[in-house]
Amino acid sequence: FAACRLFRSLAKEVGAYFQYVYPAREDENMTEYLLRVRALPPDAK
């Protein structure tokens, strides 16, 4: 999650500088996915 925070910050700055669109939806979807997987119990179905 530290890598996610840093990448998000860096990529937004780089994207803004070059006028490239940062993939905010991919970021949001994968952040939610990571949080869910971290909370899964070992016997999750």
ModelCIF file with pLDDT and N, C-alpha, C, O atoms, coordinates in Angstrom:
data_MODEL
#
_entry.id   MODEL 
#
_entity.id                         1 
_entity.type                       polymer 
_entity.pdbx_number_of_molecules   1 
#
_entity_poly.entity_id                      1 
_entity_poly.type                           'polypeptide(L)' 
_entity_poly.nstd_linkage                   no 
_entity_poly.nstd_monomer                   no 
_entity_poly.pdbx_seq_one_letter_code       FAACRLFRSLAKEVGAYFQYVYPAREDENMTEYLLRVRALPPDAK 
_entity_poly.pdbx_seq_one_letter_code_can   FAACRLFRSLAKEVGAYFQYVYPAREDENMTEYLLRVRALPPDAK 
_entity_poly.pdbx_strand_id                 A 
#
loop_
_entity_poly_seq.entity_id 
_entity_poly_seq.num 
_entity_poly_seq.mon_id 
_entity_poly_seq.hetero 
1 1  PHE n 
1 2  ALA n 
1 3  ALA n 
1 4  CYS n 
1 5  ARG n 
1 6  LEU n 
1 7  PHE n 
1 8  ARG n 
1 9  SER n 
1 10 LEU n 
1 11 ALA n 
1 12 LYS n 
1 13 GLU n 
1 14 VAL n 
1 15 GLY n 
1 16 ALA n 
1 17 TYR n 
1 18 PHE n 
1 19 GLN n 
1 20 TYR n 
1 21 VAL n 
1 22 TYR n 
1 23 PRO n 
1 24 ALA n 
1 25 ARG n 
1 26 GLU n 
1 27 ASP n 
1 28 GLU n 
1 29 ASN n 
1 30 MET n 
1 31 THR n 
1 32 GLU n 
1 33 TYR n 
1 34 LEU n 
1 35 LEU n 
1 36 ARG n 
1 37 VAL n 
1 38 ARG n 
1 39 ALA n 
1 40 LEU n 
1 41 PRO n 
1 42 PRO n 
1 43 ASP n 
1 44 ALA n 
1 45 LYS n 
#
_struct_asym.id          A 
_struct_asym.entity_id   1 
#
loop_
_ma_qa_metric.id 
_ma_qa_metric.mode 
_ma_qa_metric.name 
_ma_qa_metric.software_group_id 
_ma_qa_metric.type 
1 global pLDDT . pLDDT 
2 local  pLDDT . pLDDT 
#
_ma_qa_metric_global.metric_id      1 
_ma_qa_metric_global.metric_value   97.02 
_ma_qa_metric_global.model_id       1 
_ma_qa_metric_global.ordinal_id     1 
#
loop_
_ma_qa_metric_local.label_asym_id 
_ma_qa_metric_local.label_comp_id 
_ma_qa_metric_local.label_seq_id 
_ma_qa_metric_local.metric_id 
_ma_qa_metric_local.metric_value 
_ma_qa_metric_local.model_id 
_ma_qa_metric_local.ordinal_id 
A PHE 1  2 98.00 1 1  
A ALA 2  2 98.00 1 2  
A ALA 3  2 98.00 1 3  
A CYS 4  2 98.00 1 4  
A ARG 5  2 98.00 1 5  
A LEU 6  2 98.00 1 6  
A PHE 7  2 98.00 1 7  
A ARG 8  2 98.00 1 8  
A SER 9  2 98.00 1 9  
A LEU 10 2 98.00 1 10 
A ALA 11 2 98.00 1 11 
A LYS 12 2 98.00 1 12 
A GLU 13 2 98.00 1 13 
A VAL 14 2 98.00 1 14 
A GLY 15 2 98.00 1 15 
A ALA 16 2 98.00 1 16 
A TYR 17 2 97.00 1 17 
A PHE 18 2 98.00 1 18 
A GLN 19 2 98.00 1 19 
A TYR 20 2 98.00 1 20 
A VAL 21 2 98.00 1 21 
A TYR 22 2 98.00 1 22 
A PRO 23 2 98.00 1 23 
A ALA 24 2 98.00 1 24 
A ARG 25 2 98.00 1 25 
A GLU 26 2 97.00 1 26 
A ASP 27 2 98.00 1 27 
A GLU 28 2 98.00 1 28 
A ASN 29 2 97.00 1 29 
A MET 30 2 98.00 1 30 
A THR 31 2 98.00 1 31 
A GLU 32 2 97.00 1 32 
A TYR 33 2 97.00 1 33 
A LEU 34 2 98.00 1 34 
A LEU 35 2 97.00 1 35 
A ARG 36 2 97.00 1 36 
A VAL 37 2 97.00 1 37 
A ARG 38 2 97.00 1 38 
A ALA 39 2 96.00 1 39 
A LEU 40 2 95.00 1 40 
A PRO 41 2 94.00 1 41 
A PRO 42 2 92.00 1 42 
A ASP 43 2 91.00 1 43 
A ALA 44 2 92.00 1 44 
A LYS 45 2 91.00 1 45 
#
loop_
_atom_site.group_PDB 
_atom_site.id 
_atom_site.type_symbol 
_atom_site.label_atom_id 
_atom_site.label_alt_id 
_atom_site.label_comp_id 
_atom_site.label_asym_id 
_atom_site.label_entity_id 
_atom_site.label_seq_id 
_atom_site.pdbx_PDB_ins_code 
_atom_site.Cartn_x 
_atom_site.Cartn_y 
_atom_site.Cartn_z 
_atom_site.occupancy 
_atom_site.B_iso_or_equiv 
_atom_site.pdbx_formal_charge 
_atom_site.auth_seq_id 
_atom_site.auth_comp_id 
_atom_site.auth_asym_id 
_atom_site.auth_atom_id 
_atom_site.pdbx_PDB_model_num 
ATOM 1   N N  . PHE A 1 1  ? 0.824   -1.213  0.000   1.00 98.00 ? 1  PHE A N  1 
ATOM 2   C CA . PHE A 1 1  ? 0.000   0.000   0.000   1.00 98.00 ? 1  PHE A CA 1 
ATOM 3   C C  . PHE A 1 1  ? 0.859   1.263   0.000   1.00 98.00 ? 1  PHE A C  1 
ATOM 4   O O  . PHE A 1 1  ? 0.427   2.298   -0.507  1.00 98.00 ? 1  PHE A O  1 
ATOM 5   N N  . ALA A 1 2  ? 2.069   1.195   0.561   1.00 98.00 ? 2  ALA A N  1 
ATOM 6   C CA . ALA A 1 2  ? 2.990   2.329   0.441   1.00 98.00 ? 2  ALA A CA 1 
ATOM 7   C C  . ALA A 1 2  ? 3.368   2.531   -1.012  1.00 98.00 ? 2  ALA A C  1 
ATOM 8   O O  . ALA A 1 2  ? 3.434   3.666   -1.484  1.00 98.00 ? 2  ALA A O  1 
ATOM 9   N N  . ALA A 1 3  ? 3.621   1.427   -1.738  1.00 98.00 ? 3  ALA A N  1 
ATOM 10  C CA . ALA A 1 3  ? 3.944   1.523   -3.159  1.00 98.00 ? 3  ALA A CA 1 
ATOM 11  C C  . ALA A 1 3  ? 2.778   2.113   -3.943  1.00 98.00 ? 3  ALA A C  1 
ATOM 12  O O  . ALA A 1 3  ? 2.976   2.908   -4.862  1.00 98.00 ? 3  ALA A O  1 
ATOM 13  N N  . CYS A 1 4  ? 1.570   1.722   -3.576  1.00 98.00 ? 4  CYS A N  1 
ATOM 14  C CA . CYS A 1 4  ? 0.393   2.266   -4.256  1.00 98.00 ? 4  CYS A CA 1 
ATOM 15  C C  . CYS A 1 4  ? 0.286   3.779   -4.046  1.00 98.00 ? 4  CYS A C  1 
ATOM 16  O O  . CYS A 1 4  ? 0.021   4.522   -4.990  1.00 98.00 ? 4  CYS A O  1 
ATOM 17  N N  . ARG A 1 5  ? 0.490   4.224   -2.826  1.00 98.00 ? 5  ARG A N  1 
ATOM 18  C CA . ARG A 1 5  ? 0.395   5.667   -2.544  1.00 98.00 ? 5  ARG A CA 1 
ATOM 19  C C  . ARG A 1 5  ? 1.454   6.442   -3.314  1.00 98.00 ? 5  ARG A C  1 
ATOM 20  O O  . ARG A 1 5  ? 1.180   7.498   -3.885  1.00 98.00 ? 5  ARG A O  1 
ATOM 21  N N  . LEU A 1 6  ? 2.672   5.900   -3.320  1.00 98.00 ? 6  LEU A N  1 
ATOM 22  C CA . LEU A 1 6  ? 3.755   6.598   -4.004  1.00 98.00 ? 6  LEU A CA 1 
ATOM 23  C C  . LEU A 1 6  ? 3.552   6.583   -5.513  1.00 98.00 ? 6  LEU A C  1 
ATOM 24  O O  . LEU A 1 6  ? 3.725   7.608   -6.172  1.00 98.00 ? 6  LEU A O  1 
ATOM 25  N N  . PHE A 1 7  ? 3.188   5.436   -6.062  1.00 98.00 ? 7  PHE A N  1 
ATOM 26  C CA . PHE A 1 7  ? 2.984   5.368   -7.504  1.00 98.00 ? 7  PHE A CA 1 
ATOM 27  C C  . PHE A 1 7  ? 1.885   6.324   -7.933  1.00 98.00 ? 7  PHE A C  1 
ATOM 28  O O  . PHE A 1 7  ? 2.029   7.038   -8.926  1.00 98.00 ? 7  PHE A O  1 
ATOM 29  N N  . ARG A 1 8  ? 0.796   6.340   -7.194  1.00 98.00 ? 8  ARG A N  1 
ATOM 30  C CA . ARG A 1 8  ? -0.331  7.233   -7.510  1.00 98.00 ? 8  ARG A CA 1 
ATOM 31  C C  . ARG A 1 8  ? 0.125   8.686   -7.568  1.00 98.00 ? 8  ARG A C  1 
ATOM 32  O O  . ARG A 1 8  ? -0.213  9.417   -8.499  1.00 98.00 ? 8  ARG A O  1 
ATOM 33  N N  . SER A 1 9  ? 0.889   9.094   -6.571  1.00 98.00 ? 9  SER A N  1 
ATOM 34  C CA . SER A 1 9  ? 1.352   10.485  -6.503  1.00 98.00 ? 9  SER A CA 1 
ATOM 35  C C  . SER A 1 9  ? 2.294   10.803  -7.662  1.00 98.00 ? 9  SER A C  1 
ATOM 36  O O  . SER A 1 9  ? 2.151   11.832  -8.322  1.00 98.00 ? 9  SER A O  1 
ATOM 37  N N  . LEU A 1 10 ? 3.252   9.920   -7.903  1.00 98.00 ? 10 LEU A N  1 
ATOM 38  C CA . LEU A 1 10 ? 4.214   10.143  -8.977  1.00 98.00 ? 10 LEU A CA 1 
ATOM 39  C C  . LEU A 1 10 ? 3.535   10.158  -10.339 1.00 98.00 ? 10 LEU A C  1 
ATOM 40  O O  . LEU A 1 10 ? 3.786   11.038  -11.162 1.00 98.00 ? 10 LEU A O  1 
ATOM 41  N N  . ALA A 1 11 ? 2.670   9.170   -10.564 1.00 98.00 ? 11 ALA A N  1 
ATOM 42  C CA . ALA A 1 11 ? 2.042   9.031   -11.876 1.00 98.00 ? 11 ALA A CA 1 
ATOM 43  C C  . ALA A 1 11 ? 1.101   10.188  -12.178 1.00 98.00 ? 11 ALA A C  1 
ATOM 44  O O  . ALA A 1 11 ? 1.012   10.626  -13.325 1.00 98.00 ? 11 ALA A O  1 
ATOM 45  N N  . LYS A 1 12 ? 0.407   10.685  -11.178 1.00 98.00 ? 12 LYS A N  1 
ATOM 46  C CA . LYS A 1 12 ? -0.463  11.840  -11.408 1.00 98.00 ? 12 LYS A CA 1 
ATOM 47  C C  . LYS A 1 12 ? 0.359   13.067  -11.785 1.00 98.00 ? 12 LYS A C  1 
ATOM 48  O O  . LYS A 1 12 ? -0.035  13.833  -12.664 1.00 98.00 ? 12 LYS A O  1 
ATOM 49  N N  . GLU A 1 13 ? 1.492   13.254  -11.126 1.00 98.00 ? 13 GLU A N  1 
ATOM 50  C CA . GLU A 1 13 ? 2.335   14.403  -11.458 1.00 98.00 ? 13 GLU A CA 1 
ATOM 51  C C  . GLU A 1 13 ? 2.906   14.274  -12.862 1.00 98.00 ? 13 GLU A C  1 
ATOM 52  O O  . GLU A 1 13 ? 2.893   15.236  -13.630 1.00 98.00 ? 13 GLU A O  1 
ATOM 53  N N  . VAL A 1 14 ? 3.408   13.087  -13.201 1.00 98.00 ? 14 VAL A N  1 
ATOM 54  C CA . VAL A 1 14 ? 3.961   12.878  -14.537 1.00 98.00 ? 14 VAL A CA 1 
ATOM 55  C C  . VAL A 1 14 ? 2.874   13.027  -15.598 1.00 98.00 ? 14 VAL A C  1 
ATOM 56  O O  . VAL A 1 14 ? 3.089   13.655  -16.635 1.00 98.00 ? 14 VAL A O  1 
ATOM 57  N N  . GLY A 1 15 ? 1.699   12.439  -15.328 1.00 98.00 ? 15 GLY A N  1 
ATOM 58  C CA . GLY A 1 15 ? 0.606   12.537  -16.282 1.00 98.00 ? 15 GLY A CA 1 
ATOM 59  C C  . GLY A 1 15 ? 0.161   13.973  -16.508 1.00 98.00 ? 15 GLY A C  1 
ATOM 60  O O  . GLY A 1 15 ? -0.083  14.381  -17.643 1.00 98.00 ? 15 GLY A O  1 
ATOM 61  N N  . ALA A 1 16 ? 0.056   14.737  -15.429 1.00 98.00 ? 16 ALA A N  1 
ATOM 62  C CA . ALA A 1 16 ? -0.367  16.137  -15.558 1.00 98.00 ? 16 ALA A CA 1 
ATOM 63  C C  . ALA A 1 16 ? 0.649   16.940  -16.358 1.00 98.00 ? 16 ALA A C  1 
ATOM 64  O O  . ALA A 1 16 ? 0.279   17.796  -17.162 1.00 98.00 ? 16 ALA A O  1 
ATOM 65  N N  . TYR A 1 17 ? 1.925   16.662  -16.138 1.00 97.00 ? 17 TYR A N  1 
ATOM 66  C CA . TYR A 1 17 ? 2.981   17.402  -16.833 1.00 97.00 ? 17 TYR A CA 1 
ATOM 67  C C  . TYR A 1 17 ? 2.910   17.173  -18.341 1.00 97.00 ? 17 TYR A C  1 
ATOM 68  O O  . TYR A 1 17 ? 3.057   18.110  -19.126 1.00 97.00 ? 17 TYR A O  1 
ATOM 69  N N  . PHE A 1 18 ? 2.684   15.925  -18.738 1.00 98.00 ? 18 PHE A N  1 
ATOM 70  C CA . PHE A 1 18 ? 2.668   15.599  -20.165 1.00 98.00 ? 18 PHE A CA 1 
ATOM 71  C C  . PHE A 1 18 ? 1.264   15.584  -20.754 1.00 98.00 ? 18 PHE A C  1 
ATOM 72  O O  . PHE A 1 18 ? 1.080   15.295  -21.937 1.00 98.00 ? 18 PHE A O  1 
ATOM 73  N N  . GLN A 1 19 ? 0.275   15.898  -19.920 1.00 98.00 ? 19 GLN A N  1 
ATOM 74  C CA . GLN A 1 19 ? -1.126  15.872  -20.338 1.00 98.00 ? 19 GLN A CA 1 
ATOM 75  C C  . GLN A 1 19 ? -1.559  14.469  -20.755 1.00 98.00 ? 19 GLN A C  1 
ATOM 76  O O  . GLN A 1 19 ? -2.286  14.286  -21.731 1.00 98.00 ? 19 GLN A O  1 
ATOM 77  N N  . TYR A 1 20 ? -1.089  13.483  -19.987 1.00 98.00 ? 20 TYR A N  1 
ATOM 78  C CA . TYR A 1 20 ? -1.528  12.108  -20.149 1.00 98.00 ? 20 TYR A CA 1 
ATOM 79  C C  . TYR A 1 20 ? -2.571  11.830  -19.072 1.00 98.00 ? 20 TYR A C  1 
ATOM 80  O O  . TYR A 1 20 ? -2.455  12.324  -17.950 1.00 98.00 ? 20 TYR A O  1 
ATOM 81  N N  . VAL A 1 21 ? -3.578  11.051  -19.406 1.00 98.00 ? 21 VAL A N  1 
ATOM 82  C CA . VAL A 1 21 ? -4.663  10.777  -18.463 1.00 98.00 ? 21 VAL A CA 1 
ATOM 83  C C  . VAL A 1 21 ? -4.274  9.644   -17.521 1.00 98.00 ? 21 VAL A C  1 
ATOM 84  O O  . VAL A 1 21 ? -3.976  8.533   -17.960 1.00 98.00 ? 21 VAL A O  1 
ATOM 85  N N  . TYR A 1 22 ? -4.279  9.931   -16.238 1.00 98.00 ? 22 TYR A N  1 
ATOM 86  C CA . TYR A 1 22 ? -3.985  8.893   -15.245 1.00 98.00 ? 22 TYR A CA 1 
ATOM 87  C C  . TYR A 1 22 ? -5.183  7.955   -15.138 1.00 98.00 ? 22 TYR A C  1 
ATOM 88  O O  . TYR A 1 22 ? -6.317  8.433   -15.082 1.00 98.00 ? 22 TYR A O  1 
ATOM 89  N N  . PRO A 1 23 ? -4.975  6.622   -15.106 1.00 98.00 ? 23 PRO A N  1 
ATOM 90  C CA . PRO A 1 23 ? -6.093  5.657   -15.061 1.00 98.00 ? 23 PRO A CA 1 
ATOM 91  C C  . PRO A 1 23 ? -6.696  5.548   -13.660 1.00 98.00 ? 23 PRO A C  1 
ATOM 92  O O  . PRO A 1 23 ? -6.477  4.568   -12.948 1.00 98.00 ? 23 PRO A O  1 
ATOM 93  N N  . ALA A 1 24 ? -7.447  6.559   -13.287 1.00 98.00 ? 24 ALA A N  1 
ATOM 94  C CA . ALA A 1 24 ? -8.002  6.603   -11.931 1.00 98.00 ? 24 ALA A CA 1 
ATOM 95  C C  . ALA A 1 24 ? -8.925  5.425   -11.647 1.00 98.00 ? 24 ALA A C  1 
ATOM 96  O O  . ALA A 1 24 ? -8.947  4.914   -10.527 1.00 98.00 ? 24 ALA A O  1 
ATOM 97  N N  . ARG A 1 25 ? -9.696  4.982   -12.656 1.00 98.00 ? 25 ARG A N  1 
ATOM 98  C CA . ARG A 1 25 ? -10.607 3.867   -12.421 1.00 98.00 ? 25 ARG A CA 1 
ATOM 99  C C  . ARG A 1 25 ? -9.851  2.579   -12.124 1.00 98.00 ? 25 ARG A C  1 
ATOM 100 O O  . ARG A 1 25 ? -10.241 1.833   -11.225 1.00 98.00 ? 25 ARG A O  1 
ATOM 101 N N  . GLU A 1 26 ? -8.779  2.303   -12.860 1.00 97.00 ? 26 GLU A N  1 
ATOM 102 C CA . GLU A 1 26 ? -7.964  1.125   -12.574 1.00 97.00 ? 26 GLU A CA 1 
ATOM 103 C C  . GLU A 1 26 ? -7.390  1.201   -11.164 1.00 97.00 ? 26 GLU A C  1 
ATOM 104 O O  . GLU A 1 26 ? -7.373  0.205   -10.441 1.00 97.00 ? 26 GLU A O  1 
ATOM 105 N N  . ASP A 1 27 ? -6.926  2.367   -10.781 1.00 98.00 ? 27 ASP A N  1 
ATOM 106 C CA . ASP A 1 27 ? -6.389  2.594   -9.440  1.00 98.00 ? 27 ASP A CA 1 
ATOM 107 C C  . ASP A 1 27 ? -7.457  2.271   -8.399  1.00 98.00 ? 27 ASP A C  1 
ATOM 108 O O  . ASP A 1 27 ? -7.202  1.512   -7.464  1.00 98.00 ? 27 ASP A O  1 
ATOM 109 N N  . GLU A 1 28 ? -8.641  2.840   -8.554  1.00 98.00 ? 28 GLU A N  1 
ATOM 110 C CA . GLU A 1 28 ? -9.719  2.636   -7.576  1.00 98.00 ? 28 GLU A CA 1 
ATOM 111 C C  . GLU A 1 28 ? -10.126 1.169   -7.508  1.00 98.00 ? 28 GLU A C  1 
ATOM 112 O O  . GLU A 1 28 ? -10.285 0.615   -6.421  1.00 98.00 ? 28 GLU A O  1 
ATOM 113 N N  . ASN A 1 29 ? -10.292 0.546   -8.661  1.00 97.00 ? 29 ASN A N  1 
ATOM 114 C CA . ASN A 1 29 ? -10.722 -0.856  -8.684  1.00 97.00 ? 29 ASN A CA 1 
ATOM 115 C C  . ASN A 1 29 ? -9.698  -1.768  -8.021  1.00 97.00 ? 29 ASN A C  1 
ATOM 116 O O  . ASN A 1 29 ? -10.056 -2.645  -7.234  1.00 97.00 ? 29 ASN A O  1 
ATOM 117 N N  . MET A 1 30 ? -8.425  -1.560  -8.342  1.00 98.00 ? 30 MET A N  1 
ATOM 118 C CA . MET A 1 30 ? -7.404  -2.439  -7.793  1.00 98.00 ? 30 MET A CA 1 
ATOM 119 C C  . MET A 1 30 ? -7.139  -2.166  -6.320  1.00 98.00 ? 30 MET A C  1 
ATOM 120 O O  . MET A 1 30 ? -6.817  -3.088  -5.571  1.00 98.00 ? 30 MET A O  1 
ATOM 121 N N  . THR A 1 31 ? -7.268  -0.909  -5.891  1.00 98.00 ? 31 THR A N  1 
ATOM 122 C CA . THR A 1 31 ? -7.111  -0.611  -4.468  1.00 98.00 ? 31 THR A CA 1 
ATOM 123 C C  . THR A 1 31 ? -8.191  -1.314  -3.663  1.00 98.00 ? 31 THR A C  1 
ATOM 124 O O  . THR A 1 31 ? -7.918  -1.877  -2.603  1.00 98.00 ? 31 THR A O  1 
ATOM 125 N N  . GLU A 1 32 ? -9.420  -1.281  -4.171  1.00 97.00 ? 32 GLU A N  1 
ATOM 126 C CA . GLU A 1 32 ? -10.507 -1.991  -3.491  1.00 97.00 ? 32 GLU A CA 1 
ATOM 127 C C  . GLU A 1 32 ? -10.246 -3.491  -3.484  1.00 97.00 ? 32 GLU A C  1 
ATOM 128 O O  . GLU A 1 32 ? -10.484 -4.162  -2.480  1.00 97.00 ? 32 GLU A O  1 
ATOM 129 N N  . TYR A 1 33 ? -9.761  -4.012  -4.597  1.00 97.00 ? 33 TYR A N  1 
ATOM 130 C CA . TYR A 1 33 ? -9.457  -5.434  -4.689  1.00 97.00 ? 33 TYR A CA 1 
ATOM 131 C C  . TYR A 1 33 ? -8.390  -5.828  -3.669  1.00 97.00 ? 33 TYR A C  1 
ATOM 132 O O  . TYR A 1 33 ? -8.528  -6.840  -2.983  1.00 97.00 ? 33 TYR A O  1 
ATOM 133 N N  . LEU A 1 34 ? -7.338  -5.036  -3.572  1.00 98.00 ? 34 LEU A N  1 
ATOM 134 C CA . LEU A 1 34 ? -6.268  -5.342  -2.624  1.00 98.00 ? 34 LEU A CA 1 
ATOM 135 C C  . LEU A 1 34 ? -6.770  -5.325  -1.186  1.00 98.00 ? 34 LEU A C  1 
ATOM 136 O O  . LEU A 1 34 ? -6.410  -6.191  -0.388  1.00 98.00 ? 34 LEU A O  1 
ATOM 137 N N  . LEU A 1 35 ? -7.588  -4.354  -0.861  1.00 97.00 ? 35 LEU A N  1 
ATOM 138 C CA . LEU A 1 35 ? -8.135  -4.266  0.487   1.00 97.00 ? 35 LEU A CA 1 
ATOM 139 C C  . LEU A 1 35 ? -9.000  -5.481  0.806   1.00 97.00 ? 35 LEU A C  1 
ATOM 140 O O  . LEU A 1 35 ? -8.950  -6.013  1.915   1.00 97.00 ? 35 LEU A O  1 
ATOM 141 N N  . ARG A 1 36 ? -9.795  -5.917  -0.172  1.00 97.00 ? 36 ARG A N  1 
ATOM 142 C CA . ARG A 1 36 ? -10.658 -7.079  0.045   1.00 97.00 ? 36 ARG A CA 1 
ATOM 143 C C  . ARG A 1 36 ? -9.829  -8.347  0.233   1.00 97.00 ? 36 ARG A C  1 
ATOM 144 O O  . ARG A 1 36 ? -10.111 -9.149  1.123   1.00 97.00 ? 36 ARG A O  1 
ATOM 145 N N  . VAL A 1 37 ? -8.816  -8.524  -0.597  1.00 97.00 ? 37 VAL A N  1 
ATOM 146 C CA . VAL A 1 37 ? -7.997  -9.737  -0.485  1.00 97.00 ? 37 VAL A CA 1 
ATOM 147 C C  . VAL A 1 37 ? -7.244  -9.745  0.842   1.00 97.00 ? 37 VAL A C  1 
ATOM 148 O O  . VAL A 1 37 ? -7.101  -10.793 1.472   1.00 97.00 ? 37 VAL A O  1 
ATOM 149 N N  . ARG A 1 38 ? -6.770  -8.595  1.256   1.00 97.00 ? 38 ARG A N  1 
ATOM 150 C CA . ARG A 1 38 ? -6.058  -8.559  2.534   1.00 97.00 ? 38 ARG A CA 1 
ATOM 151 C C  . ARG A 1 38 ? -6.967  -8.980  3.682   1.00 97.00 ? 38 ARG A C  1 
ATOM 152 O O  . ARG A 1 38 ? -6.510  -9.602  4.641   1.00 97.00 ? 38 ARG A O  1 
ATOM 153 N N  . ALA A 1 39 ? -8.249  -8.645  3.592   1.00 96.00 ? 39 ALA A N  1 
ATOM 154 C CA . ALA A 1 39 ? -9.192  -8.952  4.681   1.00 96.00 ? 39 ALA A CA 1 
ATOM 155 C C  . ALA A 1 39 ? -9.772  -10.353 4.590   1.00 96.00 ? 39 ALA A C  1 
ATOM 156 O O  . ALA A 1 39 ? -10.472 -10.778 5.509   1.00 96.00 ? 39 ALA A O  1 
ATOM 157 N N  . LEU A 1 40 ? -9.508  -11.085 3.517   1.00 95.00 ? 40 LEU A N  1 
ATOM 158 C CA . LEU A 1 40 ? -10.091 -12.413 3.357   1.00 95.00 ? 40 LEU A CA 1 
ATOM 159 C C  . LEU A 1 40 ? -9.551  -13.379 4.403   1.00 95.00 ? 40 LEU A C  1 
ATOM 160 O O  . LEU A 1 40 ? -8.350  -13.384 4.672   1.00 95.00 ? 40 LEU A O  1 
ATOM 161 N N  . PRO A 1 41 ? -10.412 -14.193 4.995   1.00 94.00 ? 41 PRO A N  1 
ATOM 162 C CA . PRO A 1 41 ? -9.921  -15.237 5.894   1.00 94.00 ? 41 PRO A CA 1 
ATOM 163 C C  . PRO A 1 41 ? -9.265  -16.353 5.085   1.00 94.00 ? 41 PRO A C  1 
ATOM 164 O O  . PRO A 1 41 ? -9.523  -16.484 3.889   1.00 94.00 ? 41 PRO A O  1 
ATOM 165 N N  . PRO A 1 42 ? -8.421  -17.155 5.725   1.00 92.00 ? 42 PRO A N  1 
ATOM 166 C CA . PRO A 1 42 ? -7.688  -18.208 4.999   1.00 92.00 ? 42 PRO A CA 1 
ATOM 167 C C  . PRO A 1 42 ? -8.594  -19.234 4.327   1.00 92.00 ? 42 PRO A C  1 
ATOM 168 O O  . PRO A 1 42 ? -8.193  -19.856 3.344   1.00 92.00 ? 42 PRO A O  1 
ATOM 169 N N  . ASP A 1 43 ? -9.799  -19.420 4.836   1.00 91.00 ? 43 ASP A N  1 
ATOM 170 C CA . ASP A 1 43 ? -10.694 -20.427 4.273   1.00 91.00 ? 43 ASP A CA 1 
ATOM 171 C C  . ASP A 1 43 ? -11.772 -19.810 3.393   1.00 91.00 ? 43 ASP A C  1 
ATOM 172 O O  . ASP A 1 43 ? -12.810 -20.430 3.159   1.00 91.00 ? 43 ASP A O  1 
ATOM 173 N N  . ALA A 1 44 ? -11.543 -18.613 2.909   1.00 92.00 ? 44 ALA A N  1 
ATOM 174 C CA . ALA A 1 44 ? -12.548 -17.918 2.091   1.00 92.00 ? 44 ALA A CA 1 
ATOM 175 C C  . ALA A 1 44 ? -12.894 -18.736 0.846   1.00 92.00 ? 44 ALA A C  1 
ATOM 176 O O  . ALA A 1 44 ? -12.014 -19.348 0.241   1.00 92.00 ? 44 ALA A O  1 
ATOM 177 N N  . LYS A 1 45 ? -14.160 -18.746 0.466   1.00 91.00 ? 45 LYS A N  1 
ATOM 178 C CA . LYS A 1 45 ? -14.636 -19.442 -0.740  1.00 91.00 ? 45 LYS A CA 1 
ATOM 179 C C  . LYS A 1 45 ? -14.928 -18.477 -1.877  1.00 91.00 ? 45 LYS A C  1 
ATOM 180 O O  . LYS A 1 45 ? -15.335 -18.901 -2.958  1.00 91.00 ? 45 LYS A O  1 
#
